[in-house]
Amino acid sequence: MVFARNQWYVAAYGQEVGDGLLARTICGEPLVMYRTRGGEAVALADRCVHRRFPLSESNRDGDRIVCGYHGFTYAPDGACVAVPGQARVPRTARVRAYQVVERDSFVWVWIGDGRGDPAAVPRAAWFGSPDYTTVRGMEPLAARYDLLVDNLLDLSHETYLHAGYIGTPEVAQTPINTEVDEEAGVVYVSRRMKDVECPSFYSESTGVEGRIDRWQDIEYHPPCLYLLHSRIAPTGVEPGPDGDDSSAFHVEVGYAITPETETTTHDFWLVARDFALDDAKVSAFLAESNRTVVLQDVEALNILEKVIASEPDGYQELSINIDTGGLAARRLLQRLTSR
């Protein structure tokens, strides 16, 4: 698989990066991450230049990393500042320092050449906003990352794979509308469901009883960020003419779909809500329920990866209307990887 290079990828949640040395592989590149005493997140190549010992298995000395094998010492900018047995540090003794941007609770790294434009990092402000309460997690996926993109762009699978949690018959039955912003490179998929069954994911978290109107509005920002804007309201409750929608419940679901290797993926997930902000029971319920849903996807996609690995070349898929979002995402990803 060819990865989209010269792109921003989520490497970690901000809360994961601290005093310890965090190892994470992004697009086949091993990184070590930590936070300086001044609070800055650092990402370096996770290989000592001397004998390739992982720096993530080494030690910190203040803001520096001391290789646990032979003591080569690296500053946060990747420069080697000390070597054993001699005063002179070889000129080429340096590991790559990756450009890092922290935004909306994510730590993004630039994978590619040169430096990336921080303004190009897509926003997901809900996940760091005091007006929302967010639960989050990350699950390892033993499948290529574009299978998860396909999965999330076609939510009709909720009816079958996630029945009893977020899936109801109406999700698969309701047509979708797909739009693509070619200039911005964003895929939009929307589904409007009127007078439908309320799945337990929403009935138990919001307290809504009976039938609901349910909106699903997807934004996919290739290659990494997926956002699902969910609106849940009792049937017939519409936004006001002035745009006020305080009678509805809003859930913002996010996924950072970050390739680890050609056939493994970091599946970061978040669920933010604008109701019951201080209710720990609601937070625990949504965290447990969404993790269950994510693990159902993980199990299915892990199976699918094995099927794809064993099938003959030239196998032809069949696509239908529900696949328009996923097909558009594939096209944009192909455009990014061909640059």
Foldseek 3Di string as FASTA:
>chain_A
DFAQAQDKAFFDFLVVAEQAWDWAFFANFIWTWHAAPVGHIWIWGQAFPPHGHGQNPFDDDHQWGFRNPFGQIAHRQFAGCDGPPDNDDDPPRGTHIWDWDDALRTIMTHGHDDDHDPVLPDHDNLSVDPLKAKDKDKDKFQFALLVVVQCVLQVLCCQPLVPQFQHHNVSVVWFKDWDADVVSGKIKIKTWAAFADGHPNCCVLPVDDHTWIKIWIWIDRPPFKIKIKIKIARGPQDQDPVRHDVRIKIKIKMWTWTDRYRRMTITIIMIMISPPNVPVVSNVSNNVSVVVVVVSVSVVNNVVRVVVVPDDPPDDDDDDSSRPRSVSNVVSRVVSSVD
